[in-house]
Amino acid sequence: MARRSAPTTGGASLLIIIGAILLIFPEPATSGIGLLLLIIGLVLWFL
């Protein structure tokens, strides 16, 4: 199995962290964007 490069995991980690921070804010727009970033980050993390 090929190892993932550092930029891929670093970018996924960054998306997950930013998504989690945005998800905390109570506004619907930031929560939606945060959830979207979390999902994208998780998909990138597991690929």
C-alpha atoms as a PDB file:
ATOM      1  CA  MET A   1       0.000   0.000   0.000  1.00  0.00           C
ATOM      2  CA  ALA A   2       1.397   3.383  -0.957  1.00  0.00           C
ATOM      3  CA  ARG A   3       1.974   5.929   1.759  1.00  0.00           C
ATOM      4  CA  ARG A   4       0.205   9.260   1.507  1.00  0.00           C
ATOM      5  CA  SER A   5       2.302  12.338   1.062  1.00  0.00           C
ATOM      6  CA  ALA A   6       2.551  14.891   3.845  1.00  0.00           C
ATOM      7  CA  PRO A   7       0.719  17.673   1.924  1.00  0.00           C
ATOM      8  CA  THR A   8      -2.324  15.422   1.453  1.00  0.00           C
ATOM      9  CA  THR A   9      -2.648  14.522   5.114  1.00  0.00           C
ATOM     10  CA  GLY A  10      -1.732  18.055   6.188  1.00  0.00           C
ATOM     11  CA  GLY A  11      -4.378  19.563   3.930  1.00  0.00           C
ATOM     12  CA  ALA A  12      -6.982  17.100   5.146  1.00  0.00           C
ATOM     13  CA  SER A  13      -6.085  17.862   8.766  1.00  0.00           C
ATOM     14  CA  LEU A  14      -6.365  21.579   8.105  1.00  0.00           C
ATOM     15  CA  LEU A  15      -9.808  21.166   6.520  1.00  0.00           C
ATOM     16  CA  ILE A  16     -10.999  19.084   9.475  1.00  0.00           C
ATOM     17  CA  ILE A  17      -9.752  21.640  12.013  1.00  0.00           C
ATOM     18  CA  ILE A  18     -11.220  24.639  10.165  1.00  0.00           C
ATOM     19  CA  GLY A  19     -14.487  22.760   9.604  1.00  0.00           C
ATOM     20  CA  ALA A  20     -14.764  21.905  13.309  1.00  0.00           C
ATOM     21  CA  ILE A  21     -14.137  25.522  14.287  1.00  0.00           C
ATOM     22  CA  LEU A  22     -16.763  26.800  11.845  1.00  0.00           C
ATOM     23  CA  LEU A  23     -19.243  24.153  12.974  1.00  0.00           C
ATOM     24  CA  ILE A  24     -19.170  25.603  16.507  1.00  0.00           C
ATOM     25  CA  PHE A  25     -20.549  28.987  15.393  1.00  0.00           C
ATOM     26  CA  PRO A  26     -24.365  29.057  15.651  1.00  0.00           C
ATOM     27  CA  GLU A  27     -25.021  30.736  12.305  1.00  0.00           C
ATOM     28  CA  PRO A  28     -26.449  28.396   9.638  1.00  0.00           C
ATOM     29  CA  ALA A  29     -24.028  29.519   6.918  1.00  0.00           C
ATOM     30  CA  THR A  30     -20.880  28.900   8.953  1.00  0.00           C
ATOM     31  CA  SER A  31     -22.233  25.608  10.280  1.00  0.00           C
ATOM     32  CA  GLY A  32     -23.014  24.434   6.757  1.00  0.00           C
ATOM     33  CA  ILE A  33     -19.604  25.432   5.451  1.00  0.00           C
ATOM     34  CA  GLY A  34     -17.972  23.813   8.481  1.00  0.00           C
ATOM     35  CA  LEU A  35     -19.835  20.566   7.912  1.00  0.00           C
ATOM     36  CA  LEU A  36     -18.884  20.592   4.235  1.00  0.00           C
ATOM     37  CA  LEU A  37     -15.207  21.144   5.091  1.00  0.00           C
ATOM     38  CA  LEU A  38     -15.334  18.348   7.664  1.00  0.00           C
ATOM     39  CA  ILE A  39     -16.753  15.920   5.119  1.00  0.00           C
ATOM     40  CA  ILE A  40     -14.200  16.886   2.464  1.00  0.00           C
ATOM     41  CA  GLY A  41     -11.370  16.605   4.993  1.00  0.00           C
ATOM     42  CA  LEU A  42     -12.514  13.169   6.133  1.00  0.00           C
ATOM     43  CA  VAL A  43     -12.811  11.927   2.561  1.00  0.00           C
ATOM     44  CA  LEU A  44      -9.295  13.157   1.788  1.00  0.00           C
ATOM     45  CA  TRP A  45      -7.983  11.643   5.013  1.00  0.00           C
ATOM     46  CA  PHE A  46      -9.298   8.155   4.193  1.00  0.00           C
ATOM     47  CA  LEU A  47      -8.311   8.132   0.510  1.00  0.00           C
END
